[in-house]
Amino acid sequence: MAIGLRPQDHGTYSLRRTKASLIYKQTGNLRAVQIMLGHTKIETTVRYLGVDVEDALMLAEGMEI
């Protein structure tokens, strides 16, 4: 069923990235986002989200899981 969205603008990849970004913005929990995405390195998650590396790593180091 078409709802007027262009598939090239709203594919699986963009939805995955949007969800990860929203979770990170709401919680600040970079490690949780890393686990959710299945990334083995926190640096991959930082690059994926497009956040400042130093800020993100400082937040991640302060998190306890």
N, C-alpha and C. Protein backbone atom coordinates (compact mmCIF):
# COMPACT_ATOMS: atom_id res chain seq x y z
N MET A 1 0.85 -1.19 0.00
CA MET A 1 0.00 0.00 0.00
C MET A 1 0.89 1.25 0.00
N ALA A 2 0.71 2.11 -0.95
CA ALA A 2 1.52 3.32 -1.06
C ALA A 2 0.96 4.41 -0.15
N ILE A 3 1.88 5.07 0.57
CA ILE A 3 1.44 6.16 1.45
C ILE A 3 2.12 7.48 1.09
N GLY A 4 2.73 7.52 -0.07
CA GLY A 4 3.32 8.75 -0.55
C GLY A 4 4.77 8.96 -0.16
N LEU A 5 5.44 7.97 0.41
CA LEU A 5 6.84 8.09 0.76
C LEU A 5 7.69 7.48 -0.35
N ARG A 6 8.78 8.14 -0.68
CA ARG A 6 9.68 7.61 -1.70
C ARG A 6 10.59 6.57 -1.06
N PRO A 7 10.61 5.33 -1.57
CA PRO A 7 11.44 4.27 -0.98
C PRO A 7 12.91 4.63 -0.88
N GLN A 8 13.45 5.39 -1.82
CA GLN A 8 14.86 5.75 -1.77
C GLN A 8 15.17 6.71 -0.62
N ASP A 9 14.16 7.40 -0.10
CA ASP A 9 14.36 8.32 1.03
C ASP A 9 14.08 7.67 2.38
N HIS A 10 13.36 6.57 2.39
CA HIS A 10 12.92 5.97 3.65
C HIS A 10 13.13 4.46 3.65
N GLY A 11 14.33 4.04 3.38
CA GLY A 11 14.63 2.61 3.34
C GLY A 11 15.01 2.07 4.71
N THR A 12 15.31 0.80 4.75
CA THR A 12 15.68 0.13 5.99
C THR A 12 16.87 0.78 6.67
N TYR A 13 17.87 1.14 5.88
CA TYR A 13 19.08 1.74 6.45
C TYR A 13 18.77 3.07 7.14
N SER A 14 17.99 3.93 6.49
CA SER A 14 17.70 5.24 7.09
C SER A 14 16.84 5.08 8.34
N LEU A 15 15.95 4.11 8.36
CA LEU A 15 15.13 3.88 9.56
C LEU A 15 15.99 3.36 10.71
N ARG A 16 16.94 2.48 10.40
CA ARG A 16 17.85 1.95 11.42
C ARG A 16 18.68 3.08 12.02
N ARG A 17 19.19 3.94 11.16
CA ARG A 17 20.02 5.05 11.62
C ARG A 17 19.19 6.05 12.45
N THR A 18 17.98 6.32 12.02
CA THR A 18 17.10 7.23 12.75
C THR A 18 16.79 6.70 14.13
N LYS A 19 16.45 5.41 14.23
CA LYS A 19 16.14 4.82 15.53
C LYS A 19 17.35 4.90 16.46
N ALA A 20 18.52 4.56 15.95
CA ALA A 20 19.74 4.62 16.76
C ALA A 20 20.00 6.05 17.23
N SER A 21 19.83 7.01 16.36
CA SER A 21 20.05 8.42 16.72
C SER A 21 19.08 8.88 17.78
N LEU A 22 17.83 8.50 17.65
CA LEU A 22 16.82 8.90 18.63
C LEU A 22 17.10 8.30 20.00
N ILE A 23 17.48 7.03 20.03
CA ILE A 23 17.79 6.38 21.31
C ILE A 23 19.00 7.06 21.96
N TYR A 24 20.01 7.35 21.17
CA TYR A 24 21.20 8.02 21.71
C TYR A 24 20.85 9.40 22.25
N LYS A 25 20.06 10.16 21.51
CA LYS A 25 19.69 11.51 21.95
C LYS A 25 18.85 11.48 23.22
N GLN A 26 17.97 10.49 23.35
CA GLN A 26 17.09 10.41 24.52
C GLN A 26 17.80 9.88 25.76
N THR A 27 18.77 8.99 25.57
CA THR A 27 19.40 8.34 26.72
C THR A 27 20.85 8.75 26.95
N GLY A 28 21.55 9.14 25.89
CA GLY A 28 22.97 9.43 26.01
C GLY A 28 23.80 8.17 26.22
N ASN A 29 23.16 7.01 26.08
CA ASN A 29 23.82 5.73 26.34
C ASN A 29 24.39 5.15 25.05
N LEU A 30 25.60 5.53 24.77
CA LEU A 30 26.27 5.10 23.55
C LEU A 30 26.49 3.59 23.53
N ARG A 31 26.81 3.02 24.67
CA ARG A 31 27.06 1.58 24.76
C ARG A 31 25.80 0.79 24.42
N ALA A 32 24.65 1.24 24.88
CA ALA A 32 23.39 0.55 24.57
C ALA A 32 23.11 0.59 23.07
N VAL A 33 23.39 1.73 22.45
CA VAL A 33 23.20 1.85 21.00
C VAL A 33 24.17 0.93 20.27
N GLN A 34 25.40 0.86 20.76
CA GLN A 34 26.40 -0.03 20.17
C GLN A 34 25.90 -1.48 20.19
N ILE A 35 25.39 -1.91 21.32
CA ILE A 35 24.89 -3.29 21.44
C ILE A 35 23.69 -3.51 20.53
N MET A 36 22.78 -2.55 20.50
CA MET A 36 21.59 -2.66 19.66
C MET A 36 21.96 -2.80 18.18
N LEU A 37 22.98 -2.05 17.76
CA LEU A 37 23.39 -2.08 16.35
C LEU A 37 24.28 -3.28 16.03
N GLY A 38 24.83 -3.91 17.06
CA GLY A 38 25.70 -5.05 16.82
C GLY A 38 27.11 -4.67 16.43
N HIS A 39 27.53 -3.46 16.79
CA HIS A 39 28.88 -3.02 16.48
C HIS A 39 29.86 -3.58 17.51
N THR A 40 31.01 -4.05 17.06
CA THR A 40 32.00 -4.57 17.99
C THR A 40 32.88 -3.46 18.57
N LYS A 41 33.00 -2.35 17.85
CA LYS A 41 33.82 -1.23 18.32
C LYS A 41 32.95 -0.01 18.55
N ILE A 42 33.17 0.66 19.68
CA ILE A 42 32.41 1.86 20.02
C ILE A 42 32.67 2.96 18.99
N GLU A 43 33.89 2.96 18.42
CA GLU A 43 34.22 3.98 17.42
C GLU A 43 33.34 3.86 16.18
N THR A 44 32.95 2.64 15.84
CA THR A 44 32.05 2.43 14.70
C THR A 44 30.70 3.06 14.97
N THR A 45 30.21 2.90 16.20
CA THR A 45 28.92 3.47 16.58
C THR A 45 28.99 4.99 16.56
N VAL A 46 30.09 5.54 17.06
CA VAL A 46 30.27 7.00 17.07
C VAL A 46 30.23 7.54 15.64
N ARG A 47 30.97 6.88 14.75
CA ARG A 47 31.00 7.31 13.35
C ARG A 47 29.61 7.16 12.71
N TYR A 48 28.93 6.07 13.00
CA TYR A 48 27.60 5.78 12.45
C TYR A 48 26.60 6.87 12.85
N LEU A 49 26.68 7.30 14.11
CA LEU A 49 25.76 8.32 14.60
C LEU A 49 26.15 9.73 14.17
N GLY A 50 27.43 9.90 13.82
CA GLY A 50 27.89 11.22 13.42
C GLY A 50 28.00 12.19 14.59
N VAL A 51 28.33 11.67 15.77
CA VAL A 51 28.48 12.52 16.94
C VAL A 51 29.95 12.84 17.16
N ASP A 52 30.23 13.83 18.01
CA ASP A 52 31.58 14.20 18.34
C ASP A 52 32.26 13.05 19.08
N VAL A 53 33.40 12.62 18.60
CA VAL A 53 34.09 11.45 19.14
C VAL A 53 34.44 11.64 20.61
N GLU A 54 35.04 12.75 20.97
CA GLU A 54 35.46 12.96 22.36
C GLU A 54 34.26 12.97 23.31
N ASP A 55 33.19 13.67 22.95
CA ASP A 55 32.00 13.71 23.80
C ASP A 55 31.38 12.33 23.95
N ALA A 56 31.27 11.61 22.84
CA ALA A 56 30.65 10.30 22.87
C ALA A 56 31.47 9.32 23.70
N LEU A 57 32.78 9.31 23.54
CA LEU A 57 33.61 8.39 24.30
C LEU A 57 33.60 8.72 25.79
N MET A 58 33.56 10.00 26.13
CA MET A 58 33.48 10.41 27.53
C MET A 58 32.17 9.92 28.15
N LEU A 59 31.08 10.06 27.42
CA LEU A 59 29.79 9.56 27.90
C LEU A 59 29.82 8.03 28.05
N ALA A 60 30.37 7.36 27.07
CA ALA A 60 30.40 5.89 27.09
C ALA A 60 31.23 5.36 28.25
N GLU A 61 32.34 6.01 28.55
CA GLU A 61 33.20 5.55 29.64
C GLU A 61 32.52 5.72 30.99
N GLY A 62 31.60 6.67 31.09
CA GLY A 62 30.90 6.90 32.35
C GLY A 62 29.69 6.01 32.55
N MET A 63 29.32 5.24 31.55
CA MET A 63 28.14 4.39 31.62
C MET A 63 28.46 3.03 32.21
N GLU A 64 27.59 2.54 33.05
CA GLU A 64 27.70 1.19 33.59
C GLU A 64 26.58 0.36 33.03
N ILE A 65 26.94 -0.81 32.50
CA ILE A 65 25.90 -1.73 31.98
C ILE A 65 26.01 -3.03 32.72
